[in-house]
Amino acid sequence: MNIPSRFAAWLLCAVSFSATALDLGNIPAGEISVYVKELDSGKIVESHRADAAVNPASAMKLVTAYAAFRALGQDYRWHTDWLGDGEIKDGTLSGNLYWAGSGNPVLQQEDLAVVQQQLRNAGVRNIEGGLVLDRSLWGSVPNSPDFAADEGKSYMIPPDPNMLAYKVVWLMPERDSEGRVVVRTKPQLPEIPLDNRISIVPYAAAECSSLRRYMKAEYAVGVLRVSGRLPESCLGQEMFVNMLGAEEFAYRSFTNLWRWSGGQIADGLQTGDTPPEARLLVRHFSPPLKDMLTEMNKHSSNLIARSVYLKLGGSEDVQTALAQAETVVRRELALSGVDSSELVLENGSGLSRKERVTAEMLGQMLEKAYFSPFKEAFIRTLPIAGADGTLKDRLSAAGPSLRLKTGTLKNVRALAGYWLGEKPMAVVVIINSPNADYYLESMDKLIESLVPKQPKPSANPPEQPASAAVHNKPDML
């Protein structure tokens, strides 16, 4: 009797039965990984190719969030400093003002206005020198060459020491006091010529579902050109354009706002290290990490994920920070008892062709997070099915007890998170396939088949953090 052969045949049948029982729809069994585990009982409900190393796309942000909660703490805040190297006399700072970049990825134009008011409160009305951007932290962070064709897209914006408002310019067409259609920019950019070629079409009652559908913006040769035929209903709406480098954007935003408020400052973009004798004038704190990670996971912000990952590295040199960040992530997983042997990291955001996880590893990590001191904060970061973030228009039938991080890349679709019904579960489904985009409907049906048909609403639904509600930001991948 050939026992090994019979055992192999039984094993093959068992694997095939699991894939069949899952009702994968049109998804080939060899192109999907599934791991579902009841959290209270510890029972593994489904496990299909759960040990296969797969690209998780933006579901990798869960790993970065977990490591950050453990290593930094949910109430951690970035601080960004503004310092002066001269005396303040009669309202004038005799030297330069240094913006010591911290890499805070959610610093906004509104925050800049607060900083400038604090400078005025400190006695500074005019700056004899100029604004100097201290970029000693990280410097210019490169993007992966694997995404060279996507350079310039909002989801490709890399971390930067002096990051401000995702470095995008918001455009809003409106009528001025004389009834003419003008385009306002945020931040104000008076020194950049604006070629306005917008016209209002006669069908004034037409619905404006998206300003970008009707209006185009292009920045070339120092001129911002805006064109389009708009229905009247588009006036007052906004769209963004990624048109300036991070350094120039930070410089123009600060100096134009300072001058608009009546202050004086010297011209010229400058970068350099803050001298040791410079005096601290203003220190600005970011929202707490838990709010930042909620914005990251709800809207799948690569910028926040990559910045947090670098922050975990704790080094001024970007390559050293990347290497040390990987060490920190692996350490936190190991201390939690999560097997990371198949884990491959590049930047912690999932915007990568190299990063790898297993569905079981993600499931183990989700289980550890569920029983951790930061359980509620971690769950709160996740999109709610049919309600918000990247799940706003998906899986509404499953109800608000389903909280999943999405992942989307070419050839990749992923969902990972929790079912928070009567029997809470960790749920992970990842597709790696050249036809991944065509399997989305089957993927959602699979998720709905894995959770009870009549979900029990959570007793404590997560609240949207104040920071995410007030910050304008481009949609991310």
Protein backbone atom coordinates (compact mmCIF):
# COMPACT_ATOMS: atom_id res chain seq x y z
CA MET A 1 0.00 0.00 0.00
CA ASN A 2 1.43 3.36 -1.01
CA ILE A 3 0.55 5.44 2.07
CA PRO A 4 2.46 8.58 1.00
CA SER A 5 0.61 8.65 -2.32
CA ARG A 6 -2.76 8.20 -0.64
CA PHE A 7 -1.94 10.94 1.85
CA ALA A 8 -0.95 13.30 -0.96
CA ALA A 9 -4.20 12.58 -2.77
CA TRP A 10 -6.19 13.21 0.45
CA LEU A 11 -4.33 16.49 0.99
CA LEU A 12 -5.09 17.63 -2.57
CA CYS A 13 -8.78 16.82 -2.09
CA ALA A 14 -8.84 18.70 1.20
CA VAL A 15 -7.34 21.80 -0.39
CA SER A 16 -9.72 21.59 -3.35
CA PHE A 17 -12.69 21.11 -1.02
CA SER A 18 -11.72 24.24 0.95
CA ALA A 19 -11.51 26.35 -2.21
CA THR A 20 -14.82 24.97 -3.47
CA ALA A 21 -16.59 25.48 -0.15
CA LEU A 22 -15.52 29.11 -0.15
CA ASP A 23 -17.51 29.86 -3.32
CA LEU A 24 -14.79 31.94 -4.97
CA GLY A 25 -17.02 32.89 -7.87
CA ASN A 26 -14.84 33.55 -10.93
CA ILE A 27 -11.62 33.88 -8.89
CA PRO A 28 -9.12 31.08 -9.60
CA ALA A 29 -8.27 29.20 -6.39
CA GLY A 30 -4.55 29.69 -6.97
CA GLU A 31 -4.88 33.50 -7.13
CA ILE A 32 -6.55 34.21 -3.79
CA SER A 33 -5.59 33.89 -0.12
CA VAL A 34 -8.19 33.75 2.66
CA TYR A 35 -7.87 33.67 6.44
CA VAL A 36 -10.79 34.07 8.83
CA LYS A 37 -10.59 33.48 12.56
CA GLU A 38 -13.08 33.83 15.39
CA LEU A 39 -11.38 36.06 17.93
CA ASP A 40 -13.06 34.95 21.14
CA SER A 41 -12.99 31.20 20.53
CA GLY A 42 -9.77 31.10 18.51
CA LYS A 43 -11.48 28.91 15.89
CA ILE A 44 -10.08 29.21 12.37
CA VAL A 45 -13.18 29.51 10.18
CA GLU A 46 -11.42 29.56 6.79
CA SER A 47 -7.82 29.15 5.67
CA HIS A 48 -7.03 28.97 1.97
CA ARG A 49 -3.47 29.59 0.76
CA ALA A 50 -3.07 31.53 4.00
CA ASP A 51 0.66 30.78 4.15
CA ALA A 52 1.41 32.03 0.61
CA ALA A 53 3.55 35.18 0.35
CA VAL A 54 1.44 37.75 -1.51
CA ASN A 55 1.48 41.46 -2.30
CA PRO A 56 -1.03 43.13 0.07
CA ALA A 57 -1.08 46.57 -1.62
CA SER A 58 -2.38 49.13 0.88
CA ALA A 59 -3.41 46.48 3.41
CA MET A 60 0.28 46.76 4.36
CA LYS A 61 -0.69 50.00 6.11
CA LEU A 62 -2.18 47.81 8.85
CA VAL A 63 1.31 46.53 9.65
CA THR A 64 2.72 50.07 9.83
CA ALA A 65 -0.20 51.17 12.01
CA TYR A 66 0.24 48.22 14.38
CA ALA A 67 3.97 48.81 14.78
CA ALA A 68 3.43 52.55 15.28
CA PHE A 69 0.77 52.01 17.97
CA ARG A 70 3.17 49.73 19.83
CA ALA A 71 6.44 51.64 19.32
CA LEU A 72 5.23 55.26 19.51
CA GLY A 73 1.93 55.08 21.37
CA GLN A 74 -1.51 56.24 20.25
CA ASP A 75 -1.08 59.74 21.71
CA TYR A 76 2.32 60.44 20.13
CA ARG A 77 2.57 63.82 18.40
CA TRP A 78 5.05 65.22 15.89
CA HIS A 79 6.50 68.60 16.84
CA THR A 80 7.69 71.11 14.28
CA ASP A 81 9.86 74.05 15.34
CA TRP A 82 10.34 77.57 14.00
CA LEU A 83 13.52 79.27 15.25
CA GLY A 84 15.24 82.63 14.80
CA ASP A 85 18.98 83.36 14.66
CA GLY A 86 18.72 87.08 15.45
CA GLU A 87 17.35 89.47 18.03
CA ILE A 88 13.76 90.71 18.04
CA LYS A 89 13.63 94.48 18.34
CA ASP A 90 10.70 96.79 17.63
CA GLY A 91 8.79 93.92 16.04
CA THR A 92 11.60 92.91 13.65
CA LEU A 93 13.57 89.66 13.71
CA SER A 94 17.05 90.75 12.65
CA GLY A 95 18.06 87.37 11.23
CA ASN A 96 16.51 84.42 9.42
CA LEU A 97 13.52 82.33 10.41
CA TYR A 98 14.22 78.56 10.31
CA TRP A 99 11.51 76.02 9.65
CA ALA A 100 13.02 72.85 11.15
CA GLY A 101 11.28 70.14 9.17
CA SER A 102 9.84 67.28 11.23
CA GLY A 103 8.21 65.30 8.43
CA ASN A 104 4.73 65.82 9.94
CA PRO A 105 2.56 64.53 7.06
CA VAL A 106 -0.66 66.26 8.15
CA LEU A 107 0.56 69.84 8.66
CA GLN A 108 -2.08 72.03 7.00
CA GLN A 109 -2.46 75.61 5.76
CA GLU A 110 -4.66 76.31 8.79
CA ASP A 111 -1.81 75.15 11.04
CA LEU A 112 0.56 77.53 9.25
CA ALA A 113 -1.80 80.41 10.03
CA VAL A 114 -1.74 79.43 13.71
CA VAL A 115 2.07 79.28 13.69
CA GLN A 116 2.28 82.75 12.17
CA GLN A 117 -0.09 84.15 14.79
CA GLN A 118 2.13 82.63 17.48
CA LEU A 119 5.14 84.32 15.88
CA ARG A 120 3.33 87.64 16.05
CA ASN A 121 2.45 86.91 19.68
CA ALA A 122 6.17 86.38 20.28
CA GLY A 123 6.81 89.90 19.00
CA VAL A 124 7.75 89.17 15.40
CA ARG A 125 6.00 91.42 12.86
CA ASN A 126 8.73 91.61 10.23
CA ILE A 127 11.58 89.27 9.30
CA GLU A 128 14.71 91.06 8.14
CA GLY A 129 16.18 87.86 6.77
CA GLY A 130 14.29 85.15 4.92
CA LEU A 131 12.64 81.81 5.53
CA VAL A 132 15.18 78.97 5.65
CA LEU A 133 13.92 75.40 5.28
CA ASP A 134 15.94 73.04 7.48
CA ARG A 135 15.86 69.74 5.59
CA SER A 136 18.39 67.84 7.68
CA LEU A 137 15.70 65.21 8.44
CA TRP A 138 15.54 62.76 5.49
CA GLY A 139 16.17 65.38 2.76
CA SER A 140 14.47 64.45 -0.51
CA VAL A 141 12.82 61.03 -0.25
CA PRO A 142 12.86 59.07 -3.53
CA ASN A 143 9.95 57.14 -5.01
CA SER A 144 10.29 53.58 -6.21
CA PRO A 145 11.36 53.37 -9.88
CA ASP A 146 8.69 50.67 -10.26
CA PHE A 147 6.12 53.49 -10.33
CA ALA A 148 7.98 55.92 -12.59
CA ALA A 149 4.99 56.09 -14.95
CA ASP A 150 2.82 57.38 -12.09
CA GLU A 151 5.14 60.20 -11.00
CA GLY A 152 3.14 63.35 -10.36
CA LYS A 153 0.01 61.53 -9.20
CA SER A 154 -1.25 62.52 -5.75
CA TYR A 155 -0.71 59.03 -4.35
CA MET A 156 2.98 59.28 -5.34
CA ILE A 157 3.73 62.37 -3.19
CA PRO A 158 6.69 61.24 -1.05
CA PRO A 159 7.41 62.18 2.57
CA ASP A 160 9.24 65.46 3.02
CA PRO A 161 10.78 67.27 6.02
CA ASN A 162 8.75 70.40 5.24
CA MET A 163 5.59 68.69 4.01
CA LEU A 164 2.57 70.97 3.99
CA ALA A 165 -1.00 70.19 2.91
CA TYR A 166 0.07 67.31 0.65
CA LYS A 167 1.81 70.08 -1.39
CA VAL A 168 -1.26 70.46 -3.61
CA VAL A 169 -2.84 73.71 -4.76
CA TRP A 170 -6.62 73.87 -4.44
CA LEU A 171 -8.52 75.71 -7.18
CA MET A 172 -12.00 77.17 -6.80
CA PRO A 173 -13.87 78.95 -9.61
CA GLU A 174 -16.34 81.61 -8.43
CA ARG A 175 -17.80 84.94 -9.44
CA ASP A 176 -16.19 88.13 -8.17
CA SER A 177 -18.05 91.25 -7.06
CA GLU A 178 -18.48 92.29 -10.70
CA GLY A 179 -19.88 88.93 -11.79
CA ARG A 180 -16.76 87.74 -13.60
CA VAL A 181 -15.64 84.14 -13.19
CA VAL A 182 -12.29 84.04 -11.38
CA VAL A 183 -10.22 81.19 -9.96
CA ARG A 184 -9.04 81.39 -6.34
CA THR A 185 -6.05 79.38 -5.24
CA LYS A 186 -5.21 77.93 -1.83
CA PRO A 187 -2.53 78.82 -0.94
CA GLN A 188 -2.48 82.26 -2.52
CA LEU A 189 0.02 82.42 -5.36
CA PRO A 190 0.05 86.07 -6.54
CA GLU A 191 3.46 85.73 -8.19
CA ILE A 192 2.34 82.90 -10.50
CA PRO A 193 0.43 84.10 -13.60
CA LEU A 194 -2.98 82.45 -13.97
CA ASP A 195 -4.32 82.04 -17.50
CA ASN A 196 -8.09 81.76 -16.96
CA ARG A 197 -9.89 80.25 -19.96
CA ILE A 198 -13.05 79.15 -18.16
CA SER A 199 -16.47 79.81 -19.67
CA ILE A 200 -19.92 79.17 -18.22
CA VAL A 201 -22.18 77.07 -20.43
CA PRO A 202 -25.86 78.02 -20.93
CA TYR A 203 -27.31 74.87 -19.32
CA ALA A 204 -26.98 76.53 -15.93
CA ALA A 205 -29.17 73.96 -14.20
CA ALA A 206 -26.82 71.08 -15.05
CA GLU A 207 -25.60 69.15 -12.03
CA CYS A 208 -21.86 69.39 -11.31
CA SER A 209 -21.01 65.95 -9.93
CA SER A 210 -17.29 66.66 -10.09
CA LEU A 211 -15.43 69.87 -10.91
CA ARG A 212 -12.58 67.84 -12.39
CA ARG A 213 -15.00 66.52 -14.98
CA TYR A 214 -15.41 70.01 -16.43
CA MET A 215 -12.25 71.91 -15.52
CA LYS A 216 -8.63 71.23 -16.38
CA ALA A 217 -5.51 72.77 -14.85
CA GLU A 218 -1.93 72.64 -16.08
CA TYR A 219 1.20 74.30 -14.75
CA ALA A 220 3.97 74.79 -17.30
CA VAL A 221 6.70 77.36 -17.92
CA GLY A 222 5.75 79.22 -14.76
CA VAL A 223 2.10 79.73 -15.78
CA LEU A 224 -1.01 78.07 -14.33
CA ARG A 225 -3.53 77.51 -17.10
CA VAL A 226 -7.14 76.74 -16.18
CA SER A 227 -9.72 75.92 -18.83
CA GLY A 228 -13.12 74.33 -19.27
CA ARG A 229 -16.80 74.87 -19.99
CA LEU A 230 -18.57 74.79 -16.62
CA PRO A 231 -22.21 74.71 -15.61
CA GLU A 232 -23.07 77.38 -13.04
CA SER A 233 -23.39 74.68 -10.37
CA CYS A 234 -19.63 74.05 -10.50
CA LEU A 235 -18.87 77.48 -9.11
CA GLY A 236 -17.73 77.22 -5.52
CA GLN A 237 -16.48 73.65 -5.87
CA GLU A 238 -12.81 72.75 -5.50
CA MET A 239 -10.23 70.56 -7.18
CA PHE A 240 -6.50 70.22 -6.61
CA VAL A 241 -3.43 70.25 -8.79
CA ASN A 242 -0.02 68.89 -7.85
CA MET A 243 2.12 71.61 -9.44
CA LEU A 244 5.03 72.58 -7.15
CA GLY A 245 7.88 70.77 -5.42
CA ALA A 246 7.63 70.39 -1.65
CA GLU A 247 10.29 73.05 -0.96
CA GLU A 248 8.79 75.67 -3.26
CA PHE A 249 5.28 74.93 -2.03
CA ALA A 250 6.26 75.35 1.63
CA TYR A 251 8.21 78.54 0.88
CA ARG A 252 5.45 80.19 -1.21
CA SER A 253 2.74 79.17 1.26
CA PHE A 254 4.55 80.66 4.24
CA THR A 255 5.85 83.87 2.68
CA ASN A 256 2.63 84.74 0.83
CA LEU A 257 0.52 84.18 3.93
CA TRP A 258 2.95 86.24 6.03
CA ARG A 259 2.82 89.15 3.59
CA TRP A 260 -0.96 88.91 3.20
CA SER A 261 -1.18 89.33 7.00
CA GLY A 262 0.86 92.53 6.77
CA GLY A 263 4.32 91.19 7.61
CA GLN A 264 7.57 91.68 5.71
CA ILE A 265 10.08 88.99 4.80
CA ALA A 266 12.99 88.81 2.36
CA ASP A 267 12.59 87.07 -0.98
CA GLY A 268 14.33 83.88 -2.00
CA LEU A 269 13.95 80.17 -1.25
CA GLN A 270 16.73 79.09 1.10
CA THR A 271 17.64 75.74 2.63
CA GLY A 272 20.19 75.05 5.34
CA ASP A 273 20.79 73.66 8.81
CA THR A 274 19.48 75.57 11.81
CA PRO A 275 22.46 77.14 13.64
CA PRO A 276 22.97 75.88 17.20
CA GLU A 277 22.53 79.38 18.63
CA ALA A 278 19.08 79.85 17.04
CA ARG A 279 16.31 80.49 19.55
CA LEU A 280 13.02 78.55 19.58
CA LEU A 281 10.12 80.87 18.75
CA VAL A 282 7.22 78.49 18.05
CA ARG A 283 6.70 74.76 18.51
CA HIS A 284 3.69 73.24 16.75
CA PHE A 285 2.27 69.82 17.63
CA SER A 286 0.47 67.49 15.24
CA PRO A 287 -2.80 65.73 16.04
CA PRO A 288 -2.24 62.52 18.06
CA LEU A 289 -0.98 59.47 16.21
CA LYS A 290 -4.33 57.67 16.54
CA ASP A 291 -6.04 60.42 14.51
CA MET A 292 -3.24 60.47 11.96
CA LEU A 293 -3.48 56.70 11.48
CA THR A 294 -7.26 56.98 11.11
CA GLU A 295 -6.79 59.42 8.24
CA MET A 296 -4.15 57.07 6.82
CA ASN A 297 -6.31 53.94 6.84
CA LYS A 298 -9.69 55.49 6.10
CA HIS A 299 -8.39 57.27 2.99
CA SER A 300 -5.39 55.01 2.27
CA SER A 301 -2.85 57.82 2.43
CA ASN A 302 0.53 56.66 1.17
CA LEU A 303 2.11 59.91 2.31
CA ILE A 304 1.10 59.36 5.94
CA ALA A 305 2.06 55.68 5.88
CA ARG A 306 5.50 56.34 4.41
CA SER A 307 6.11 59.23 6.84
CA VAL A 308 5.10 57.16 9.88
CA TYR A 309 7.30 54.30 8.67
CA LEU A 310 10.29 56.65 8.38
CA LYS A 311 9.49 58.08 11.82
CA LEU A 312 9.76 54.55 13.22
CA GLY A 313 13.30 54.49 11.78
CA GLY A 314 14.37 57.37 14.01
CA SER A 315 17.24 58.58 11.80
CA GLU A 316 17.92 61.76 9.85
CA ASP A 317 19.37 59.77 6.92
CA VAL A 318 16.55 58.37 4.80
CA GLN A 319 18.24 55.07 3.91
CA THR A 320 19.22 54.47 7.53
CA ALA A 321 15.68 55.36 8.61
CA LEU A 322 14.22 52.83 6.16
CA ALA A 323 16.52 50.07 7.39
CA GLN A 324 15.86 50.84 11.04
CA ALA A 325 12.11 51.08 10.45
CA GLU A 326 12.11 47.50 9.15
CA THR A 327 13.99 46.42 12.27
CA VAL A 328 11.40 48.13 14.49
CA VAL A 329 8.43 46.60 12.64
CA ARG A 330 9.91 43.10 12.82
CA ARG A 331 10.76 43.58 16.50
CA GLU A 332 7.23 44.66 17.41
CA LEU A 333 5.72 41.73 15.51
CA ALA A 334 8.14 39.28 17.14
CA LEU A 335 7.42 40.64 20.62
CA SER A 336 3.72 40.10 19.86
CA GLY A 337 4.27 36.52 18.77
CA VAL A 338 3.41 37.18 15.11
CA ASP A 339 5.31 35.10 12.55
CA SER A 340 6.89 37.55 10.09
CA SER A 341 9.14 35.08 8.27
CA GLU A 342 7.45 35.79 4.91
CA LEU A 343 7.20 39.55 5.48
CA VAL A 344 8.94 41.78 2.93
CA LEU A 345 9.04 45.54 3.58
CA GLU A 346 9.97 48.49 1.38
CA ASN A 347 8.22 51.65 2.61
CA GLY A 348 5.36 50.44 4.80
CA SER A 349 2.57 51.84 2.63
CA GLY A 350 1.86 49.03 0.18
CA LEU A 351 2.82 51.30 -2.72
CA SER A 352 5.34 48.68 -3.68
CA ARG A 353 5.93 45.80 -6.06
CA LYS A 354 8.23 44.17 -3.49
CA GLU A 355 6.26 44.10 -0.23
CA ARG A 356 4.84 40.75 0.85
CA VAL A 357 2.76 39.30 3.68
CA THR A 358 0.76 36.13 4.24
CA ALA A 359 -2.94 36.22 4.98
CA GLU A 360 -2.27 34.25 8.17
CA MET A 361 0.35 36.77 9.33
CA LEU A 362 -2.10 39.64 8.87
CA GLY A 363 -4.75 37.61 10.66
CA GLN A 364 -2.41 36.93 13.59
CA MET A 365 -1.54 40.62 13.81
CA LEU A 366 -5.20 41.65 13.70
CA GLU A 367 -5.88 39.22 16.53
CA LYS A 368 -3.06 40.73 18.63
CA ALA A 369 -4.35 44.24 17.95
CA TYR A 370 -7.87 43.20 18.96
CA PHE A 371 -6.66 42.11 22.40
CA SER A 372 -4.23 45.02 22.85
CA PRO A 373 -4.54 48.18 24.97
CA PHE A 374 -5.00 50.16 21.73
CA LYS A 375 -7.82 47.93 20.43
CA GLU A 376 -10.45 50.69 20.09
CA ALA A 377 -8.02 53.16 18.49
CA PHE A 378 -6.85 50.52 16.00
CA ILE A 379 -10.40 49.52 15.03
CA ARG A 380 -11.35 53.18 14.68
CA THR A 381 -8.76 53.61 11.92
CA LEU A 382 -10.56 51.19 9.61
CA PRO A 383 -13.10 52.11 6.93
CA ILE A 384 -16.70 51.17 7.80
CA ALA A 385 -18.49 49.10 5.16
CA GLY A 386 -20.90 51.20 3.13
CA ALA A 387 -20.27 54.28 5.28
CA ASP A 388 -16.89 55.98 4.95
CA GLY A 389 -13.37 56.04 3.57
CA THR A 390 -12.44 53.61 0.81
CA LEU A 391 -15.43 51.39 1.71
CA LYS A 392 -18.03 54.14 1.41
CA ASP A 393 -19.50 52.60 -1.75
CA ARG A 394 -18.75 48.93 -1.03
CA LEU A 395 -20.19 46.11 1.08
CA SER A 396 -23.09 48.16 2.43
CA ALA A 397 -25.20 45.01 2.82
CA ALA A 398 -22.77 43.71 5.44
CA GLY A 399 -23.43 46.69 7.67
CA PRO A 400 -21.28 48.81 9.98
CA SER A 401 -19.94 45.81 11.91
CA LEU A 402 -17.60 45.18 8.99
CA ARG A 403 -14.40 47.24 9.24
CA LEU A 404 -11.81 46.56 6.54
CA LYS A 405 -8.67 48.16 5.15
CA THR A 406 -8.65 48.05 1.36
CA GLY A 407 -5.69 47.46 -0.92
CA THR A 408 -5.49 48.30 -4.62
CA LEU A 409 -2.61 48.01 -7.07
CA LYS A 410 -2.32 46.72 -10.60
CA ASN A 411 -2.88 42.95 -10.24
CA VAL A 412 -3.72 43.26 -6.52
CA ARG A 413 -6.92 43.57 -4.52
CA ALA A 414 -7.01 43.18 -0.74
CA LEU A 415 -9.39 43.48 2.22
CA ALA A 416 -8.29 42.96 5.81
CA GLY A 417 -9.83 43.85 9.15
CA TYR A 418 -12.68 42.80 11.39
CA TRP A 419 -16.22 41.58 11.60
CA LEU A 420 -17.49 43.01 14.91
CA GLY A 421 -20.78 41.17 15.19
CA GLU A 422 -21.89 38.66 17.82
CA LYS A 423 -18.84 36.49 17.09
CA PRO A 424 -16.02 38.92 16.22
CA MET A 425 -13.63 37.71 13.53
CA ALA A 426 -10.38 38.72 11.88
CA VAL A 427 -10.94 38.66 8.12
CA VAL A 428 -8.25 38.70 5.42
CA VAL A 429 -8.78 38.24 1.66
CA ILE A 430 -6.02 39.01 -0.85
CA ILE A 431 -6.06 38.52 -4.61
CA ASN A 432 -2.86 38.56 -6.67
CA SER A 433 -3.82 38.13 -10.29
CA PRO A 434 -3.38 39.85 -13.66
CA ASN A 435 -7.20 39.92 -13.71
CA ALA A 436 -7.64 41.22 -10.15
CA ASP A 437 -9.81 44.16 -11.24
CA TYR A 438 -12.36 41.78 -12.78
CA TYR A 439 -12.75 39.82 -9.54
CA LEU A 440 -13.94 42.69 -7.34
CA GLU A 441 -17.60 41.64 -7.38
CA SER A 442 -16.74 38.05 -6.52
CA MET A 443 -14.41 39.27 -3.79
CA ASP A 444 -17.15 41.33 -2.15
CA LYS A 445 -19.62 38.44 -2.41
CA LEU A 446 -17.05 36.18 -0.77
CA ILE A 447 -16.64 38.64 2.11
CA GLU A 448 -20.42 38.84 2.54
CA SER A 449 -20.63 35.03 2.61
CA LEU A 450 -18.03 34.86 5.38
CA VAL A 451 -19.95 37.10 7.80
CA PRO A 452 -23.50 36.69 9.21
CA LYS A 453 -26.26 37.98 6.96
CA GLN A 454 -27.87 39.98 9.76
CA PRO A 455 -25.04 41.91 11.39
CA LYS A 456 -25.32 43.11 14.93
CA PRO A 457 -24.36 46.82 15.06
CA SER A 458 -21.42 47.70 17.25
CA ALA A 459 -22.37 49.17 20.62
CA ASN A 460 -19.63 51.75 20.32
CA PRO A 461 -19.26 52.86 16.69
CA PRO A 462 -15.95 54.59 16.04
CA GLU A 463 -15.95 58.35 15.80
CA GLN A 464 -14.30 60.33 13.03
CA PRO A 465 -11.33 62.23 14.50
CA ALA A 466 -11.59 66.00 14.38
CA SER A 467 -8.37 66.26 12.37
CA ALA A 468 -9.71 64.13 9.51
CA ALA A 469 -12.91 66.15 9.34
CA VAL A 470 -11.27 69.53 8.80
CA HIS A 471 -8.31 68.74 6.58
CA ASN A 472 -8.58 69.03 2.84
CA LYS A 473 -6.60 66.24 1.24
CA PRO A 474 -6.39 64.54 -2.14
CA ASP A 475 -7.70 61.01 -2.48
CA MET A 476 -4.98 58.40 -2.22
CA LEU A 477 -4.55 54.94 -3.71
